[in-house]
Every structure is written in C-alpha cells, then in structure tokens.
C-alpha cells in the first residue's frame, strides 16, 4: 500500500507562507527536530505538511509544484482570501472535478481548492 505521508515546502519567508496556508484553514506548530531549522508543521490526515526555510545554497522556492486541497464553503473562503490580498488565478467554477478555484501562494505555487459537501 502506498500513501503520501510528507510534503515539505521551502521558502524565503516561512512566517508569511505559513500565514497564507493558515488562511486556507491549516493550523501549524512551530518547532524543530534536533539541530535542524525552526519550521512550521501540520498534520493533514495521514500527511505531514511542513514549511521550511530555503537551504543555504537555494536561492528561490520551487514555484512549479501544484497542490490541491478540499475545502468547505469555497465562495466564502475566496472572499476572505481576496480581503487578505491573495492572488486568485481562477474564480470558482464548476468542472468535471467539482466546484473549484485556483489561488497562488506567495512563492508562485498554484493551489487548487475544491469544495466538498459537508
């Protein structure tokens, strides 16, 4: 059996990026493992989602990664994200995969938000 259990994003500003994902509804803990760097960590089901600073030799974050999250009340969430000045790349619309929108995080990653029925 194969399951995704870890996603690590690296960024220049972990505080601002964690705030972005908190706006989506993710709660983080701020901590470190051993002598590693301070970082943000959250458990999303069976997956650990972490935000780390860039590595010493890394100049910029990977902006090609695309993430998708299921959310409730998509229209309300998009309204709140607009109020926070977050870039909305695709307004909510219906597709064969459901009611979804695409936003962009602070490093340029596209984040797909799909509404699930509660």
Foldseek 3Di string as FASTA:
>chain_A
DDDAAEDEWEAQDQVQQVVLVVLQPFDWDWDDDDPDDTWTWGGDPRHIYIYHYDDPPDDGTDQADEEEDEDAPVVVSVVVCVVVVWAWPADWDQDPVATWTWTATPRNHIYIYHYDDD
